[in-house]
Amino acid sequence: MNVQVQSKDVTLHANTKAHIQNAIDSFTKYSLDITSVNVRVKAEKKGVSIEFDIHIAHAEPVVISQSDENLDTAIDLGIERTTKALRRLHDKIVAPSKGSIKDLETLDS
């Protein structure tokens, strides 16, 4: 998995980078074939914004953008939203499709 963390007009400290990296490592628990993760942090007029751009093999990319006045809050909310999106994608892929009543078989006892 290719990981890139970029910041524009924002200084990311070592503990902030480690927090983002730990979150990215936790994304692997969903058993999706993640090929690359690009994280962009940039300053805005009111606070900062963070964007997670996650490319998954055989699926559309997952792009989550989050803005907040506080850097740590924006990161935490972005991680939470990304985790939720990946969990939904995982459930969609591995969940068996729901069949109709006609597909049900009755067992003779």
N, C-alpha and C. Protein backbone atom coordinates (compact mmCIF):
# COMPACT_ATOMS: atom_id res chain seq x y z
N MET A 1 0.86 -1.16 0.00
CA MET A 1 0.00 0.00 0.00
C MET A 1 0.90 1.23 0.00
N ASN A 2 0.63 2.12 -0.92
CA ASN A 2 1.38 3.36 -1.06
C ASN A 2 0.68 4.44 -0.22
N VAL A 3 1.42 5.09 0.67
CA VAL A 3 0.85 6.11 1.56
C VAL A 3 1.60 7.41 1.36
N GLN A 4 0.84 8.49 1.15
CA GLN A 4 1.42 9.83 1.04
C GLN A 4 0.64 10.77 1.95
N VAL A 5 1.37 11.52 2.78
CA VAL A 5 0.76 12.54 3.63
C VAL A 5 1.38 13.87 3.22
N GLN A 6 0.52 14.77 2.74
CA GLN A 6 0.98 16.08 2.27
C GLN A 6 0.31 17.17 3.09
N SER A 7 1.07 18.23 3.37
CA SER A 7 0.48 19.36 4.08
C SER A 7 0.85 20.65 3.36
N LYS A 8 -0.11 21.56 3.34
CA LYS A 8 0.11 22.85 2.69
C LYS A 8 -0.27 23.94 3.68
N ASP A 9 0.67 24.79 4.00
CA ASP A 9 0.50 25.90 4.93
C ASP A 9 0.15 25.43 6.34
N VAL A 10 0.44 24.17 6.66
CA VAL A 10 0.19 23.61 7.99
C VAL A 10 1.43 22.80 8.37
N THR A 11 1.88 22.95 9.61
CA THR A 11 3.00 22.16 10.10
C THR A 11 2.47 20.94 10.83
N LEU A 12 2.84 19.77 10.34
CA LEU A 12 2.43 18.53 10.98
C LEU A 12 3.57 18.04 11.87
N HIS A 13 3.29 17.89 13.15
CA HIS A 13 4.29 17.40 14.09
C HIS A 13 4.37 15.88 14.00
N ALA A 14 5.40 15.33 14.60
CA ALA A 14 5.62 13.89 14.53
C ALA A 14 4.46 13.10 15.12
N ASN A 15 3.90 13.58 16.25
CA ASN A 15 2.80 12.82 16.85
C ASN A 15 1.54 12.90 15.99
N THR A 16 1.33 14.00 15.27
CA THR A 16 0.18 14.11 14.37
C THR A 16 0.35 13.17 13.18
N LYS A 17 1.56 13.12 12.63
CA LYS A 17 1.82 12.19 11.52
C LYS A 17 1.67 10.75 11.98
N ALA A 18 2.10 10.44 13.20
CA ALA A 18 1.97 9.08 13.73
C ALA A 18 0.50 8.72 13.92
N HIS A 19 -0.30 9.68 14.37
CA HIS A 19 -1.74 9.45 14.55
C HIS A 19 -2.41 9.14 13.21
N ILE A 20 -2.06 9.89 12.17
CA ILE A 20 -2.62 9.64 10.83
C ILE A 20 -2.15 8.28 10.32
N GLN A 21 -0.88 7.95 10.52
CA GLN A 21 -0.34 6.67 10.04
C GLN A 21 -1.00 5.50 10.76
N ASN A 22 -1.23 5.62 12.06
CA ASN A 22 -1.91 4.55 12.81
C ASN A 22 -3.33 4.34 12.29
N ALA A 23 -4.01 5.44 11.96
CA ALA A 23 -5.36 5.33 11.41
C ALA A 23 -5.34 4.63 10.06
N ILE A 24 -4.37 4.98 9.23
CA ILE A 24 -4.26 4.35 7.91
C ILE A 24 -3.97 2.86 8.07
N ASP A 25 -3.12 2.52 9.02
CA ASP A 25 -2.82 1.10 9.27
C ASP A 25 -4.07 0.35 9.74
N SER A 26 -4.94 1.03 10.47
CA SER A 26 -6.16 0.37 10.95
C SER A 26 -7.16 0.14 9.83
N PHE A 27 -7.03 0.85 8.72
CA PHE A 27 -7.95 0.66 7.59
C PHE A 27 -7.80 -0.73 6.98
N THR A 28 -6.68 -1.40 7.20
CA THR A 28 -6.45 -2.71 6.60
C THR A 28 -7.32 -3.80 7.23
N LYS A 29 -7.92 -3.52 8.39
CA LYS A 29 -8.74 -4.54 9.05
C LYS A 29 -10.01 -4.87 8.29
N TYR A 30 -10.36 -4.05 7.30
CA TYR A 30 -11.58 -4.28 6.53
C TYR A 30 -11.35 -5.22 5.35
N SER A 31 -10.16 -5.74 5.19
CA SER A 31 -9.84 -6.73 4.15
C SER A 31 -10.17 -6.23 2.75
N LEU A 32 -10.01 -4.94 2.53
CA LEU A 32 -10.17 -4.38 1.20
C LEU A 32 -8.78 -4.28 0.58
N ASP A 33 -8.70 -4.42 -0.70
CA ASP A 33 -7.41 -4.36 -1.39
C ASP A 33 -7.07 -2.90 -1.64
N ILE A 34 -6.59 -2.22 -0.60
CA ILE A 34 -6.25 -0.80 -0.69
C ILE A 34 -4.90 -0.68 -1.38
N THR A 35 -4.87 0.04 -2.50
CA THR A 35 -3.63 0.19 -3.25
C THR A 35 -2.86 1.45 -2.85
N SER A 36 -3.58 2.54 -2.57
CA SER A 36 -2.88 3.76 -2.16
C SER A 36 -3.79 4.63 -1.30
N VAL A 37 -3.15 5.39 -0.41
CA VAL A 37 -3.86 6.33 0.44
C VAL A 37 -3.12 7.67 0.35
N ASN A 38 -3.84 8.70 -0.06
CA ASN A 38 -3.28 10.05 -0.12
C ASN A 38 -4.02 10.90 0.90
N VAL A 39 -3.27 11.54 1.78
CA VAL A 39 -3.85 12.41 2.80
C VAL A 39 -3.33 13.81 2.54
N ARG A 40 -4.26 14.76 2.40
CA ARG A 40 -3.87 16.15 2.17
C ARG A 40 -4.42 17.01 3.30
N VAL A 41 -3.54 17.75 3.93
CA VAL A 41 -3.93 18.67 5.00
C VAL A 41 -3.56 20.06 4.53
N LYS A 42 -4.53 20.98 4.58
CA LYS A 42 -4.23 22.34 4.14
C LYS A 42 -4.98 23.36 4.99
N ALA A 43 -4.38 24.53 5.09
CA ALA A 43 -4.99 25.62 5.84
C ALA A 43 -6.04 26.30 4.97
N GLU A 44 -7.12 26.73 5.61
CA GLU A 44 -8.18 27.46 4.93
C GLU A 44 -8.43 28.76 5.68
N LYS A 45 -9.38 29.54 5.18
CA LYS A 45 -9.69 30.80 5.84
C LYS A 45 -10.11 30.59 7.29
N LYS A 46 -10.96 29.61 7.50
CA LYS A 46 -11.41 29.28 8.85
C LYS A 46 -10.94 27.88 9.21
N GLY A 47 -9.76 27.76 9.76
CA GLY A 47 -9.26 26.48 10.23
C GLY A 47 -8.48 25.71 9.18
N VAL A 48 -8.66 24.39 9.22
CA VAL A 48 -7.93 23.49 8.33
C VAL A 48 -8.89 22.48 7.71
N SER A 49 -8.45 21.88 6.62
CA SER A 49 -9.23 20.80 6.02
C SER A 49 -8.29 19.62 5.79
N ILE A 50 -8.87 18.43 5.87
CA ILE A 50 -8.12 17.21 5.62
C ILE A 50 -8.91 16.38 4.61
N GLU A 51 -8.19 15.74 3.71
CA GLU A 51 -8.84 14.92 2.69
C GLU A 51 -8.15 13.57 2.64
N PHE A 52 -8.94 12.52 2.75
CA PHE A 52 -8.46 11.16 2.59
C PHE A 52 -8.90 10.69 1.21
N ASP A 53 -7.95 10.30 0.38
CA ASP A 53 -8.23 9.78 -0.96
C ASP A 53 -7.70 8.35 -0.98
N ILE A 54 -8.62 7.38 -0.91
CA ILE A 54 -8.24 5.98 -0.78
C ILE A 54 -8.62 5.24 -2.05
N HIS A 55 -7.62 4.64 -2.68
CA HIS A 55 -7.85 3.88 -3.91
C HIS A 55 -7.88 2.40 -3.56
N ILE A 56 -8.94 1.75 -4.00
CA ILE A 56 -9.16 0.34 -3.71
C ILE A 56 -9.26 -0.40 -5.04
N ALA A 57 -8.57 -1.54 -5.13
CA ALA A 57 -8.61 -2.33 -6.36
C ALA A 57 -10.04 -2.82 -6.60
N HIS A 58 -10.49 -2.74 -7.83
CA HIS A 58 -11.80 -3.22 -8.28
C HIS A 58 -12.96 -2.47 -7.62
N ALA A 59 -12.73 -1.21 -7.23
CA ALA A 59 -13.80 -0.41 -6.64
C ALA A 59 -13.50 1.07 -6.90
N GLU A 60 -14.53 1.86 -6.75
CA GLU A 60 -14.35 3.30 -6.91
C GLU A 60 -13.53 3.84 -5.72
N PRO A 61 -12.75 4.91 -5.95
CA PRO A 61 -12.00 5.48 -4.84
C PRO A 61 -12.93 6.09 -3.79
N VAL A 62 -12.49 6.04 -2.55
CA VAL A 62 -13.22 6.64 -1.44
C VAL A 62 -12.52 7.96 -1.12
N VAL A 63 -13.26 9.06 -1.24
CA VAL A 63 -12.69 10.38 -0.97
C VAL A 63 -13.52 11.04 0.13
N ILE A 64 -12.86 11.36 1.23
CA ILE A 64 -13.52 11.97 2.38
C ILE A 64 -12.81 13.30 2.67
N SER A 65 -13.58 14.38 2.73
CA SER A 65 -13.04 15.70 3.08
C SER A 65 -13.70 16.17 4.37
N GLN A 66 -12.89 16.73 5.25
CA GLN A 66 -13.39 17.22 6.53
C GLN A 66 -12.70 18.54 6.86
N SER A 67 -13.48 19.52 7.29
CA SER A 67 -12.94 20.82 7.69
C SER A 67 -13.33 21.11 9.12
N ASP A 68 -12.45 21.82 9.82
CA ASP A 68 -12.73 22.23 11.18
C ASP A 68 -11.75 23.34 11.56
N GLU A 69 -12.07 24.05 12.63
CA GLU A 69 -11.17 25.11 13.09
C GLU A 69 -9.92 24.54 13.75
N ASN A 70 -10.04 23.36 14.35
CA ASN A 70 -8.93 22.72 15.06
C ASN A 70 -8.37 21.59 14.21
N LEU A 71 -7.05 21.51 14.09
CA LEU A 71 -6.41 20.48 13.27
C LEU A 71 -6.72 19.08 13.79
N ASP A 72 -6.56 18.86 15.10
CA ASP A 72 -6.78 17.53 15.66
C ASP A 72 -8.23 17.08 15.51
N THR A 73 -9.15 18.01 15.67
CA THR A 73 -10.56 17.67 15.50
C THR A 73 -10.86 17.30 14.06
N ALA A 74 -10.31 18.06 13.12
CA ALA A 74 -10.52 17.75 11.71
C ALA A 74 -9.96 16.37 11.37
N ILE A 75 -8.80 16.05 11.90
CA ILE A 75 -8.19 14.74 11.64
C ILE A 75 -9.05 13.63 12.22
N ASP A 76 -9.47 13.79 13.48
CA ASP A 76 -10.27 12.75 14.13
C ASP A 76 -11.61 12.54 13.42
N LEU A 77 -12.28 13.62 13.04
CA LEU A 77 -13.55 13.50 12.33
C LEU A 77 -13.36 12.87 10.95
N GLY A 78 -12.27 13.25 10.27
CA GLY A 78 -11.97 12.66 8.97
C GLY A 78 -11.69 11.17 9.06
N ILE A 79 -10.95 10.77 10.09
CA ILE A 79 -10.66 9.35 10.30
C ILE A 79 -11.94 8.59 10.60
N GLU A 80 -12.79 9.18 11.43
CA GLU A 80 -14.06 8.53 11.78
C GLU A 80 -14.95 8.34 10.55
N ARG A 81 -15.06 9.38 9.72
CA ARG A 81 -15.89 9.28 8.52
C ARG A 81 -15.30 8.28 7.52
N THR A 82 -13.97 8.25 7.40
CA THR A 82 -13.32 7.32 6.48
C THR A 82 -13.52 5.89 6.95
N THR A 83 -13.38 5.66 8.25
CA THR A 83 -13.60 4.33 8.81
C THR A 83 -15.02 3.86 8.54
N LYS A 84 -15.97 4.75 8.72
CA LYS A 84 -17.37 4.40 8.48
C LYS A 84 -17.61 4.05 7.01
N ALA A 85 -17.02 4.83 6.10
CA ALA A 85 -17.18 4.57 4.66
C ALA A 85 -16.54 3.24 4.27
N LEU A 86 -15.36 2.94 4.82
CA LEU A 86 -14.70 1.67 4.50
C LEU A 86 -15.47 0.49 5.08
N ARG A 87 -16.04 0.66 6.27
CA ARG A 87 -16.84 -0.41 6.87
C ARG A 87 -18.07 -0.69 6.02
N ARG A 88 -18.72 0.37 5.53
CA ARG A 88 -19.90 0.19 4.68
C ARG A 88 -19.53 -0.51 3.38
N LEU A 89 -18.40 -0.13 2.79
CA LEU A 89 -17.95 -0.77 1.55
C LEU A 89 -17.64 -2.24 1.81
N HIS A 90 -16.98 -2.53 2.92
CA HIS A 90 -16.67 -3.92 3.28
C HIS A 90 -17.95 -4.73 3.46
N ASP A 91 -18.92 -4.18 4.19
CA ASP A 91 -20.18 -4.88 4.40
C ASP A 91 -20.92 -5.11 3.10
N LYS A 92 -20.83 -4.15 2.20
CA LYS A 92 -21.50 -4.27 0.90
C LYS A 92 -20.87 -5.38 0.06
N ILE A 93 -19.56 -5.52 0.16
CA ILE A 93 -18.86 -6.52 -0.65
C ILE A 93 -19.04 -7.92 -0.09
N VAL A 94 -18.92 -8.09 1.22
CA VAL A 94 -18.94 -9.43 1.79
C VAL A 94 -20.33 -9.91 2.18
N ALA A 95 -21.29 -9.03 2.32
CA ALA A 95 -22.63 -9.45 2.72
C ALA A 95 -23.28 -10.21 1.57
N PRO A 96 -23.92 -11.31 1.88
CA PRO A 96 -24.60 -12.03 0.81
C PRO A 96 -25.79 -11.22 0.31
N SER A 97 -26.04 -11.33 -0.96
CA SER A 97 -27.17 -10.59 -1.51
C SER A 97 -28.47 -11.18 -0.98
N LYS A 98 -29.39 -10.32 -0.74
CA LYS A 98 -30.67 -10.77 -0.20
C LYS A 98 -31.52 -11.32 -1.34
N GLY A 99 -32.01 -12.50 -1.15
CA GLY A 99 -32.82 -13.13 -2.17
C GLY A 99 -34.29 -12.92 -1.89
N SER A 100 -35.09 -13.32 -2.83
CA SER A 100 -36.54 -13.21 -2.65
C SER A 100 -37.08 -14.45 -1.95
N ILE A 101 -38.34 -14.43 -1.68
CA ILE A 101 -38.97 -15.57 -1.02
C ILE A 101 -38.94 -16.78 -1.94
N LYS A 102 -38.96 -16.56 -3.23
CA LYS A 102 -38.94 -17.67 -4.19
C LYS A 102 -37.62 -18.44 -4.10
N ASP A 103 -36.55 -17.76 -3.66
CA ASP A 103 -35.25 -18.41 -3.60
C ASP A 103 -35.10 -19.31 -2.38
N LEU A 104 -35.97 -19.16 -1.40
CA LEU A 104 -35.86 -19.97 -0.18
C LEU A 104 -36.30 -21.40 -0.47
N GLU A 105 -35.58 -22.33 0.07
CA GLU A 105 -35.93 -23.73 -0.08
C GLU A 105 -36.48 -24.25 1.24
N THR A 106 -37.46 -25.07 1.17
CA THR A 106 -38.01 -25.67 2.38
C THR A 106 -37.39 -27.04 2.56
N LEU A 107 -37.10 -27.36 3.80
CA LEU A 107 -36.52 -28.67 4.11
C LEU A 107 -37.64 -29.61 4.55
N ASP A 108 -37.64 -30.78 3.96
CA ASP A 108 -38.62 -31.80 4.36
C ASP A 108 -38.06 -32.58 5.54
N SER A 109 -38.86 -32.70 6.58
CA SER A 109 -38.40 -33.43 7.77
C SER A 109 -38.93 -34.82 7.77
